Amino acid sequence: MKGFPFATLEHSVDADSVVILRPKLSKLEKAVAIERAFHFSGRPYDFNFDFLTDVEMVCTELVSKSYESNQEYAGLTFPLQEVVGRKVTTANDIARMFDEEYGNPSQQLDFIAFYDGHEWENKAIMSDVKTFRESWKRPKWYIWVQVSPPVDAMIN
């Protein structure tokens, strides 16, 4: 398939939790980031999670490279960490970055909304910035340690 797949909002937010963050950039800088994102159209999914190349890409890599700074463009700086020998930016890294920058002059993103997934209820609940800021600290298998409904509620 040619083209970075464009998807409906419903498909894109089909996840455990969804946050909407707005970059604290000028309209021109946001337009540059959008143009860069379209430039990456056509790249297949990067199952190797290799941020060093952009022949294939994952979602956080697309965001990171679209907002990457250069001499003419301030952009955004996302954290990189090593995971299984690869330098990557995960969604949790972005949440941690937001938490650490929150309220500081260096804050790069504004909070708009957070829909926090409640697996046992099969729904997401609109939550506040405080809940989002804490979300990156959750255990990896958070959906399994959430308070579950009584067994009889799961049967009915």
Protein backbone atom coordinates (compact mmCIF):
# COMPACT_ATOMS: atom_id res chain seq x y z
CA MET A 1 0.00 0.00 0.00
CA LYS A 2 1.38 3.39 -0.97
CA GLY A 3 0.91 6.10 1.63
CA PHE A 4 1.10 6.38 5.39
CA PRO A 5 -2.38 5.13 6.17
CA PHE A 6 -4.86 7.88 6.87
CA ALA A 7 -7.56 6.73 9.24
CA THR A 8 -10.80 8.00 10.69
CA LEU A 9 -10.80 9.55 14.13
CA GLU A 10 -12.78 6.55 15.41
CA HIS A 11 -10.08 4.17 14.19
CA SER A 12 -7.23 6.36 15.44
CA VAL A 13 -8.54 6.64 18.99
CA ASP A 14 -9.42 2.94 19.33
CA ALA A 15 -7.01 2.53 22.24
CA ASP A 16 -6.97 2.01 26.00
CA SER A 17 -6.56 5.75 26.63
CA VAL A 18 -6.29 8.83 24.44
CA VAL A 19 -4.80 12.24 25.19
CA ILE A 20 -5.05 15.40 23.12
CA LEU A 21 -2.06 17.72 23.52
CA ARG A 22 -1.45 20.95 21.60
CA PRO A 23 2.10 22.03 20.74
CA LYS A 24 3.02 25.46 22.06
CA LEU A 25 4.23 26.65 18.66
CA SER A 26 3.25 29.38 16.23
CA LYS A 27 0.72 28.67 13.47
CA LEU A 28 3.57 28.63 10.97
CA GLU A 29 5.55 26.07 13.00
CA LYS A 30 2.45 23.87 13.29
CA ALA A 31 1.95 24.14 9.52
CA VAL A 32 5.56 23.06 8.96
CA ALA A 33 4.97 20.02 11.20
CA ILE A 34 1.81 19.10 9.26
CA GLU A 35 3.68 19.44 5.97
CA ARG A 36 6.44 17.19 7.31
CA ALA A 37 3.87 14.61 8.44
CA PHE A 38 2.44 14.48 4.92
CA HIS A 39 5.99 14.06 3.60
CA PHE A 40 6.15 10.74 5.46
CA SER A 41 3.06 9.47 3.68
CA GLY A 42 3.84 6.18 2.01
CA ARG A 43 5.99 4.71 4.74
CA PRO A 44 5.10 1.21 5.94
CA TYR A 45 4.77 0.36 9.63
CA ASP A 46 8.13 -0.07 11.35
CA PHE A 47 7.94 -3.40 13.17
CA ASN A 48 11.63 -2.94 14.11
CA PHE A 49 10.93 0.38 15.88
CA ASP A 50 14.03 1.88 14.29
CA PHE A 51 14.01 5.65 14.85
CA LEU A 52 17.38 6.04 13.09
CA THR A 53 15.76 5.63 9.69
CA ASP A 54 12.46 6.88 8.35
CA VAL A 55 11.92 4.33 5.59
CA GLU A 56 9.38 2.70 7.91
CA MET A 57 7.66 4.46 10.83
CA VAL A 58 5.59 4.03 13.99
CA CYS A 59 3.13 6.64 15.30
CA THR A 60 5.41 8.24 17.90
CA GLU A 61 8.22 8.36 15.35
CA LEU A 62 5.93 10.24 12.95
CA VAL A 63 5.13 12.80 15.66
CA SER A 64 8.75 13.11 16.75
CA LYS A 65 10.12 13.58 13.22
CA SER A 66 7.31 15.93 12.17
CA TYR A 67 8.19 18.31 15.03
CA GLU A 68 11.98 17.80 14.90
CA SER A 69 13.85 21.10 15.21
CA ASN A 70 16.45 22.44 12.80
CA GLN A 71 18.25 25.76 12.21
CA GLU A 72 15.10 27.54 10.94
CA TYR A 73 12.49 25.73 13.04
CA ALA A 74 12.24 25.56 16.85
CA GLY A 75 10.05 22.46 16.81
CA LEU A 76 9.63 20.18 19.81
CA THR A 77 12.11 17.96 21.58
CA PHE A 78 10.86 14.51 22.53
CA PRO A 79 12.81 12.19 24.84
CA LEU A 80 14.58 9.15 23.44
CA GLN A 81 15.19 6.03 25.47
CA GLU A 82 16.82 2.74 24.64
CA VAL A 83 14.41 -0.17 24.37
CA VAL A 84 15.81 -3.54 23.31
CA GLY A 85 18.85 -1.83 21.85
CA ARG A 86 16.86 0.77 19.88
CA LYS A 87 16.48 4.50 20.54
CA VAL A 88 12.74 5.24 20.59
CA THR A 89 10.13 7.63 21.93
CA THR A 90 7.13 5.86 23.40
CA ALA A 91 3.71 7.33 24.18
CA ASN A 92 4.60 6.91 27.86
CA ASP A 93 7.77 8.95 27.27
CA ILE A 94 5.66 11.79 25.90
CA ALA A 95 3.32 11.58 28.92
CA ARG A 96 6.34 11.62 31.27
CA MET A 97 7.82 14.60 29.39
CA PHE A 98 4.53 16.48 29.73
CA ASP A 99 4.39 15.71 33.45
CA GLU A 100 7.97 16.84 34.06
CA GLU A 101 7.54 20.07 32.06
CA TYR A 102 4.05 20.92 33.34
CA GLY A 103 3.83 24.44 34.75
CA ASN A 104 7.41 25.31 33.74
CA PRO A 105 8.43 27.88 31.12
CA SER A 106 9.92 24.97 29.14
CA GLN A 107 6.49 23.28 28.79
CA GLN A 108 6.18 22.30 25.10
CA LEU A 109 2.60 21.01 25.05
CA ASP A 110 -0.76 22.22 26.35
CA PHE A 111 -3.29 19.76 27.76
CA ILE A 112 -6.62 19.65 25.91
CA ALA A 113 -8.33 16.39 26.96
CA PHE A 114 -7.66 12.92 28.36
CA TYR A 115 -9.96 9.95 27.88
CA ASP A 116 -8.84 7.35 30.39
CA GLY A 117 -9.64 3.75 29.49
CA HIS A 118 -11.52 1.61 31.99
CA GLU A 119 -11.10 -1.85 30.53
CA TRP A 120 -13.58 -3.70 32.76
CA GLU A 121 -16.32 -1.20 31.93
CA ASN A 122 -15.37 -1.23 28.23
CA LYS A 123 -15.32 2.56 28.06
CA ALA A 124 -13.10 5.60 28.39
CA ILE A 125 -13.90 8.33 30.89
CA MET A 126 -12.99 11.97 30.37
CA SER A 127 -10.34 12.72 32.99
CA ASP A 128 -8.35 15.73 34.10
CA VAL A 129 -4.77 16.87 33.62
CA LYS A 130 -3.77 15.53 37.05
CA THR A 131 -4.86 12.00 36.09
CA PHE A 132 -3.02 12.25 32.77
CA ARG A 133 0.14 13.48 34.48
CA GLU A 134 0.09 10.39 36.71
CA SER A 135 -0.75 7.95 33.89
CA TRP A 136 2.84 7.31 32.77
CA LYS A 137 3.61 5.87 36.23
CA ARG A 138 1.09 3.07 35.87
CA PRO A 139 2.32 -0.52 35.71
CA LYS A 140 2.73 -2.04 32.26
CA TRP A 141 -0.31 -4.26 32.69
CA TYR A 142 -2.47 -1.53 34.25
CA ILE A 143 -5.68 -2.79 32.64
CA TRP A 144 -5.36 -6.02 34.62
CA VAL A 145 -4.86 -4.30 37.97
CA GLN A 146 -7.73 -1.83 37.63
CA VAL A 147 -10.59 -2.48 40.02
CA SER A 148 -12.71 -5.05 38.25
CA PRO A 149 -16.48 -5.40 38.52
CA PRO A 150 -17.94 -8.23 40.62
CA VAL A 151 -17.91 -11.61 38.84
CA ASP A 152 -21.72 -11.69 38.52
CA ALA A 153 -21.61 -8.32 36.70
CA MET A 154 -19.19 -9.79 34.15
CA ILE A 155 -21.52 -12.77 33.55
CA ASN A 156 -24.63 -10.63 32.93
